[in-house]
Amino acid sequence: MRTSTKKAAIKLPTKIRIVCPTCGNDTDFYEVAEGVILTTRYTQNEDGSFTPISDDSQVFGEIKFYCNECDEDLTQFHKHFLEMLF
């Protein structure tokens, strides 16, 4: 005799938000990159002013991720941040 068993559906969260464990902030964060070369290309306008036309950056060092409210180091969440960056 075969017994029918139903497995409960596992619900995965549709949105995973980063929340600072120290202050509870879940909206404002910042990155700090070490060893960075920034290259900005400009065009000079007729009036002598300049307009940026492109920005390139190369990061050679470590990138840290922080809470913008309390400055807690949240680098452990940086990979998730990058995955959710659109």
N, C-alpha and C. Protein backbone atom coordinates (compact mmCIF):
# COMPACT_ATOMS: atom_id res chain seq x y z
N MET A 1 0.83 -1.18 0.00
CA MET A 1 0.00 0.00 0.00
C MET A 1 0.89 1.25 0.00
N ARG A 2 0.56 2.16 -0.88
CA ARG A 2 1.37 3.37 -1.03
C ARG A 2 0.72 4.52 -0.26
N THR A 3 1.51 5.20 0.56
CA THR A 3 1.00 6.31 1.34
C THR A 3 1.37 7.61 0.65
N SER A 4 0.41 8.45 0.50
CA SER A 4 0.64 9.75 -0.14
C SER A 4 1.09 10.75 0.92
N THR A 5 2.22 11.35 0.66
CA THR A 5 2.68 12.40 1.56
C THR A 5 2.89 13.67 0.76
N LYS A 6 2.43 14.74 1.31
CA LYS A 6 2.61 16.04 0.67
C LYS A 6 3.73 16.78 1.38
N LYS A 7 4.62 17.32 0.59
CA LYS A 7 5.70 18.12 1.15
C LYS A 7 5.24 19.57 1.17
N ALA A 8 5.53 20.22 2.26
CA ALA A 8 5.19 21.64 2.37
C ALA A 8 6.07 22.43 1.42
N ALA A 9 5.46 23.36 0.74
CA ALA A 9 6.21 24.22 -0.18
C ALA A 9 7.12 25.15 0.62
N ILE A 10 8.33 25.28 0.16
CA ILE A 10 9.27 26.18 0.81
C ILE A 10 9.14 27.53 0.14
N LYS A 11 8.86 28.54 0.94
CA LYS A 11 8.74 29.89 0.41
C LYS A 11 10.05 30.63 0.61
N LEU A 12 10.61 31.05 -0.49
CA LEU A 12 11.82 31.87 -0.43
C LEU A 12 11.42 33.32 -0.42
N PRO A 13 12.12 34.12 0.34
CA PRO A 13 11.77 35.55 0.34
C PRO A 13 11.96 36.14 -1.05
N THR A 14 11.01 36.97 -1.45
CA THR A 14 11.11 37.58 -2.77
C THR A 14 12.07 38.77 -2.76
N LYS A 15 12.22 39.39 -1.62
CA LYS A 15 13.14 40.52 -1.50
C LYS A 15 14.00 40.30 -0.26
N ILE A 16 15.28 40.30 -0.46
CA ILE A 16 16.19 40.18 0.67
C ILE A 16 16.87 41.54 0.82
N ARG A 17 16.57 42.21 1.91
CA ARG A 17 17.13 43.54 2.15
C ARG A 17 18.30 43.45 3.11
N ILE A 18 19.29 44.28 2.87
CA ILE A 18 20.40 44.41 3.80
C ILE A 18 19.95 45.34 4.91
N VAL A 19 20.12 44.89 6.14
CA VAL A 19 19.76 45.68 7.31
C VAL A 19 20.98 45.73 8.23
N CYS A 20 21.36 46.92 8.62
CA CYS A 20 22.49 47.08 9.52
C CYS A 20 22.14 46.47 10.88
N PRO A 21 22.93 45.51 11.36
CA PRO A 21 22.62 44.89 12.65
C PRO A 21 22.84 45.82 13.84
N THR A 22 23.56 46.92 13.64
CA THR A 22 23.84 47.84 14.73
C THR A 22 22.74 48.88 14.92
N CYS A 23 22.31 49.51 13.83
CA CYS A 23 21.33 50.60 13.97
C CYS A 23 19.99 50.34 13.28
N GLY A 24 19.90 49.28 12.48
CA GLY A 24 18.64 48.96 11.80
C GLY A 24 18.44 49.66 10.47
N ASN A 25 19.38 50.48 10.04
CA ASN A 25 19.28 51.16 8.74
C ASN A 25 19.14 50.12 7.63
N ASP A 26 18.20 50.36 6.73
CA ASP A 26 18.05 49.45 5.58
C ASP A 26 17.92 50.21 4.27
N THR A 27 18.38 51.48 4.26
CA THR A 27 18.24 52.28 3.04
C THR A 27 19.51 52.94 2.54
N ASP A 28 20.41 53.36 3.42
CA ASP A 28 21.53 54.19 3.00
C ASP A 28 22.87 53.54 3.34
N PHE A 29 23.69 53.33 2.29
CA PHE A 29 24.97 52.64 2.42
C PHE A 29 26.00 53.33 1.55
N TYR A 30 27.27 53.03 1.77
CA TYR A 30 28.32 53.56 0.90
C TYR A 30 29.46 52.56 0.77
N GLU A 31 30.23 52.72 -0.32
CA GLU A 31 31.39 51.88 -0.59
C GLU A 31 32.65 52.72 -0.47
N VAL A 32 33.73 52.08 -0.05
CA VAL A 32 35.05 52.70 -0.06
C VAL A 32 35.97 51.75 -0.81
N ALA A 33 36.57 52.24 -1.89
CA ALA A 33 37.48 51.43 -2.69
C ALA A 33 38.90 51.95 -2.50
N GLU A 34 39.82 51.03 -2.27
CA GLU A 34 41.23 51.38 -2.11
C GLU A 34 41.97 51.13 -3.42
N GLY A 35 43.00 51.91 -3.67
CA GLY A 35 43.82 51.70 -4.86
C GLY A 35 43.03 51.88 -6.14
N VAL A 36 42.47 53.06 -6.33
CA VAL A 36 41.60 53.32 -7.47
C VAL A 36 42.26 54.31 -8.43
N ILE A 37 42.13 54.02 -9.71
CA ILE A 37 42.51 54.98 -10.75
C ILE A 37 41.22 55.40 -11.44
N LEU A 38 40.93 56.71 -11.38
CA LEU A 38 39.76 57.26 -12.06
C LEU A 38 40.24 58.01 -13.30
N THR A 39 39.63 57.74 -14.42
CA THR A 39 39.95 58.44 -15.65
C THR A 39 38.68 59.07 -16.19
N THR A 40 38.68 60.39 -16.30
CA THR A 40 37.53 61.11 -16.84
C THR A 40 37.97 61.82 -18.11
N ARG A 41 37.22 61.61 -19.17
CA ARG A 41 37.51 62.27 -20.44
C ARG A 41 36.56 63.46 -20.61
N TYR A 42 37.11 64.57 -21.08
CA TYR A 42 36.36 65.82 -21.22
C TYR A 42 36.43 66.34 -22.64
N THR A 43 35.44 67.14 -22.98
CA THR A 43 35.49 67.91 -24.21
C THR A 43 35.38 69.39 -23.82
N GLN A 44 36.15 70.22 -24.49
CA GLN A 44 36.10 71.65 -24.20
C GLN A 44 35.06 72.31 -25.10
N ASN A 45 34.23 73.09 -24.49
CA ASN A 45 33.15 73.78 -25.20
C ASN A 45 33.66 75.08 -25.81
N GLU A 46 32.86 75.63 -26.70
CA GLU A 46 33.21 76.89 -27.40
C GLU A 46 33.55 78.02 -26.42
N ASP A 47 32.85 78.05 -25.26
CA ASP A 47 33.07 79.13 -24.29
C ASP A 47 34.25 78.87 -23.36
N GLY A 48 34.97 77.76 -23.59
CA GLY A 48 36.14 77.45 -22.76
C GLY A 48 35.83 76.54 -21.57
N SER A 49 34.54 76.28 -21.30
CA SER A 49 34.18 75.37 -20.21
C SER A 49 34.37 73.93 -20.67
N PHE A 50 34.33 73.00 -19.73
CA PHE A 50 34.53 71.59 -20.04
C PHE A 50 33.31 70.77 -19.65
N THR A 51 33.03 69.74 -20.43
CA THR A 51 31.94 68.81 -20.16
C THR A 51 32.51 67.39 -20.12
N PRO A 52 32.25 66.65 -19.04
CA PRO A 52 32.74 65.26 -19.01
C PRO A 52 31.98 64.41 -20.02
N ILE A 53 32.71 63.54 -20.74
CA ILE A 53 32.05 62.69 -21.73
C ILE A 53 32.10 61.21 -21.35
N SER A 54 33.05 60.81 -20.49
CA SER A 54 33.07 59.43 -20.02
C SER A 54 33.90 59.32 -18.75
N ASP A 55 33.55 58.33 -17.94
CA ASP A 55 34.29 58.02 -16.72
C ASP A 55 34.66 56.56 -16.74
N ASP A 56 35.88 56.26 -16.41
CA ASP A 56 36.35 54.88 -16.26
C ASP A 56 37.04 54.78 -14.91
N SER A 57 36.91 53.62 -14.28
CA SER A 57 37.62 53.41 -13.03
C SER A 57 38.19 52.01 -12.98
N GLN A 58 39.33 51.89 -12.33
CA GLN A 58 39.96 50.61 -12.09
C GLN A 58 40.26 50.53 -10.61
N VAL A 59 39.79 49.45 -9.96
CA VAL A 59 40.01 49.25 -8.53
C VAL A 59 41.07 48.17 -8.37
N PHE A 60 42.15 48.51 -7.71
CA PHE A 60 43.24 47.56 -7.49
C PHE A 60 43.30 47.06 -6.06
N GLY A 61 42.57 47.69 -5.17
CA GLY A 61 42.59 47.31 -3.76
C GLY A 61 41.27 46.73 -3.30
N GLU A 62 41.10 46.72 -2.02
CA GLU A 62 39.91 46.15 -1.38
C GLU A 62 38.74 47.14 -1.47
N ILE A 63 37.54 46.59 -1.55
CA ILE A 63 36.32 47.41 -1.53
C ILE A 63 35.57 47.07 -0.26
N LYS A 64 35.25 48.09 0.52
CA LYS A 64 34.51 47.92 1.77
C LYS A 64 33.10 48.50 1.58
N PHE A 65 32.16 47.99 2.35
CA PHE A 65 30.75 48.39 2.27
C PHE A 65 30.31 48.77 3.68
N TYR A 66 29.72 49.97 3.82
CA TYR A 66 29.39 50.50 5.15
C TYR A 66 27.95 50.99 5.24
N CYS A 67 27.44 51.00 6.47
CA CYS A 67 26.16 51.64 6.78
C CYS A 67 26.38 53.14 6.77
N ASN A 68 25.53 53.87 6.10
CA ASN A 68 25.66 55.32 6.02
C ASN A 68 25.15 56.02 7.27
N GLU A 69 24.46 55.31 8.15
CA GLU A 69 23.93 55.91 9.38
C GLU A 69 24.93 55.83 10.53
N CYS A 70 25.53 54.64 10.74
CA CYS A 70 26.41 54.47 11.90
C CYS A 70 27.83 54.05 11.52
N ASP A 71 28.12 53.95 10.23
CA ASP A 71 29.44 53.58 9.71
C ASP A 71 29.88 52.16 10.07
N GLU A 72 28.93 51.29 10.39
CA GLU A 72 29.24 49.88 10.66
C GLU A 72 29.78 49.23 9.39
N ASP A 73 30.82 48.43 9.52
CA ASP A 73 31.40 47.72 8.38
C ASP A 73 30.47 46.57 8.00
N LEU A 74 29.87 46.65 6.82
CA LEU A 74 28.93 45.64 6.32
C LEU A 74 29.50 44.93 5.10
N THR A 75 30.82 44.86 5.00
CA THR A 75 31.47 44.27 3.84
C THR A 75 31.00 42.84 3.58
N GLN A 76 30.57 42.14 4.62
CA GLN A 76 30.06 40.78 4.43
C GLN A 76 28.85 40.74 3.51
N PHE A 77 28.16 41.87 3.34
CA PHE A 77 26.98 41.95 2.48
C PHE A 77 27.30 42.53 1.10
N HIS A 78 28.55 42.85 0.83
CA HIS A 78 28.90 43.53 -0.42
C HIS A 78 28.55 42.70 -1.65
N LYS A 79 28.76 41.41 -1.61
CA LYS A 79 28.43 40.56 -2.77
C LYS A 79 26.94 40.67 -3.09
N HIS A 80 26.10 40.62 -2.06
CA HIS A 80 24.65 40.75 -2.28
C HIS A 80 24.32 42.13 -2.85
N PHE A 81 24.98 43.16 -2.33
CA PHE A 81 24.80 44.51 -2.84
C PHE A 81 25.08 44.55 -4.34
N LEU A 82 26.21 43.96 -4.76
CA LEU A 82 26.56 43.96 -6.18
C LEU A 82 25.55 43.19 -7.03
N GLU A 83 25.02 42.10 -6.50
CA GLU A 83 24.02 41.31 -7.22
C GLU A 83 22.73 42.08 -7.42
N MET A 84 22.43 42.98 -6.50
CA MET A 84 21.17 43.73 -6.55
C MET A 84 21.34 45.13 -7.14
N LEU A 85 22.51 45.44 -7.63
CA LEU A 85 22.78 46.76 -8.20
C LEU A 85 22.29 46.78 -9.65
N PHE A 86 21.33 47.63 -9.93
CA PHE A 86 20.75 47.70 -11.28
C PHE A 86 20.98 49.07 -11.87
